[in-house]
């Protein structure tokens, strides 16, 4: 299974941040792939909102090819809120975000 197909298959477990509908039929475009992570643009099939996601890539050690974390189910609401708060305060460039270089949060 290629990377985009895997992301699209897993997307059904996640909801759009704008309309809260499942991302089952979303469009996924690979923007960048580097050592250990990739950056994708995801477009919700329901409302058309696009967002960028940075995904950590791990070598599969699971018999069906999925990383162990995939067994743990979708990201929790609290985890999504944490990411939202981090992104709201993030003041760097997309390249800094993709490289994992933290920036100083801007005061709220």
Protein backbone atom coordinates (compact mmCIF):
# COMPACT_ATOMS: atom_id res chain seq x y z
CA UNK A 1 0.00 0.00 0.00
CA UNK A 2 1.44 3.40 -0.92
CA UNK A 3 1.65 6.28 1.53
CA UNK A 4 -1.28 8.31 0.14
CA UNK A 5 -3.53 5.24 0.07
CA UNK A 6 -2.61 4.46 3.68
CA UNK A 7 -3.35 8.04 4.79
CA UNK A 8 -6.71 8.02 2.97
CA UNK A 9 -7.60 4.64 4.51
CA UNK A 10 -6.82 5.93 8.03
CA UNK A 11 -8.60 9.27 7.46
CA UNK A 12 -12.01 7.67 8.05
CA UNK A 13 -11.14 7.57 11.76
CA UNK A 14 -10.71 11.34 11.94
CA UNK A 15 -13.10 14.27 11.69
CA UNK A 16 -12.76 17.52 9.79
CA UNK A 17 -11.84 20.39 12.10
CA UNK A 18 -14.29 22.70 10.30
CA UNK A 19 -17.45 20.61 9.80
CA UNK A 20 -16.84 17.63 12.15
CA UNK A 21 -17.67 15.10 9.42
CA UNK A 22 -15.52 12.01 8.89
CA UNK A 23 -12.63 12.53 6.48
CA UNK A 24 -13.39 9.18 4.77
CA UNK A 25 -13.53 10.56 1.21
CA UNK A 26 -11.00 13.35 1.62
CA UNK A 27 -8.44 14.37 -0.99
CA UNK A 28 -4.80 13.95 0.09
CA UNK A 29 -1.87 15.63 -1.65
CA UNK A 30 1.73 14.88 -0.65
CA UNK A 31 3.58 18.20 -0.23
CA UNK A 32 6.88 16.96 1.15
CA UNK A 33 8.44 13.72 2.30
CA UNK A 34 11.64 13.74 4.34
CA UNK A 35 13.46 11.54 6.81
CA UNK A 36 10.86 10.22 9.20
CA UNK A 37 7.97 12.55 8.34
CA UNK A 38 5.80 13.85 5.52
CA UNK A 39 3.69 16.94 4.98
CA UNK A 40 0.30 16.50 3.31
CA UNK A 41 -2.58 18.74 2.32
CA UNK A 42 -5.94 17.22 3.25
CA UNK A 43 -9.19 18.53 1.73
CA UNK A 44 -12.50 17.56 3.32
CA UNK A 45 -14.91 16.01 0.81
CA UNK A 46 -17.87 17.40 2.75
CA UNK A 47 -17.06 21.10 3.21
CA UNK A 48 -13.99 21.61 1.00
CA UNK A 49 -11.79 23.02 3.77
CA UNK A 50 -8.10 22.22 3.28
CA UNK A 51 -5.48 21.92 5.99
CA UNK A 52 -1.85 20.88 6.20
CA UNK A 53 -0.76 17.98 8.39
CA UNK A 54 2.73 16.85 9.31
CA UNK A 55 2.81 13.11 9.87
CA UNK A 56 5.49 11.12 11.64
CA UNK A 57 6.51 8.04 9.66
CA UNK A 58 7.67 4.87 11.38
CA UNK A 59 8.85 1.59 9.94
CA UNK A 60 6.09 -1.01 10.20
CA UNK A 61 6.63 -3.70 12.82
CA UNK A 62 3.06 -4.92 12.71
CA UNK A 63 2.05 -8.03 10.71
CA UNK A 64 -0.48 -6.13 8.58
CA UNK A 65 1.96 -3.29 7.88
CA UNK A 66 0.47 -0.70 10.24
CA UNK A 67 2.53 0.95 12.97
CA UNK A 68 1.59 -0.05 16.51
CA UNK A 69 0.10 3.43 17.12
CA UNK A 70 -2.56 2.70 14.48
CA UNK A 71 -4.02 0.06 16.81
CA UNK A 72 -4.63 2.70 19.45
CA UNK A 73 -7.35 4.34 17.40
CA UNK A 74 -7.93 7.94 16.42
CA UNK A 75 -6.43 10.99 18.10
CA UNK A 76 -8.46 12.09 21.12
CA UNK A 77 -10.35 15.37 21.27
CA UNK A 78 -7.95 16.62 23.97
CA UNK A 79 -4.96 15.85 21.74
CA UNK A 80 -6.57 17.77 18.86
CA UNK A 81 -7.25 20.73 21.16
CA UNK A 82 -3.60 20.68 22.26
CA UNK A 83 -2.49 20.77 18.62
CA UNK A 84 -4.96 23.57 17.88
CA UNK A 85 -3.64 25.66 20.79
CA UNK A 86 -0.04 25.02 19.73
CA UNK A 87 -0.76 26.02 16.12
CA UNK A 88 -2.70 29.11 17.23
CA UNK A 89 0.36 30.28 19.17
CA UNK A 90 2.93 29.18 16.55
CA UNK A 91 4.70 32.13 14.97
CA UNK A 92 7.25 30.45 12.69
CA UNK A 93 7.18 29.46 9.05
CA UNK A 94 5.76 26.25 7.64
CA UNK A 95 9.34 25.09 7.00
CA UNK A 96 10.19 25.57 10.69
CA UNK A 97 7.08 23.64 11.66
CA UNK A 98 7.91 20.80 9.26
CA UNK A 99 11.48 20.59 10.57
CA UNK A 100 10.18 20.37 14.11
CA UNK A 101 11.87 23.56 15.26
CA UNK A 102 9.71 25.04 17.98
CA UNK A 103 9.14 28.75 17.91
CA UNK A 104 8.22 30.96 20.80
CA UNK A 105 4.46 31.10 21.15
CA UNK A 106 2.95 34.51 20.64
CA UNK A 107 1.12 35.89 23.70
CA UNK A 108 -2.62 35.20 23.60
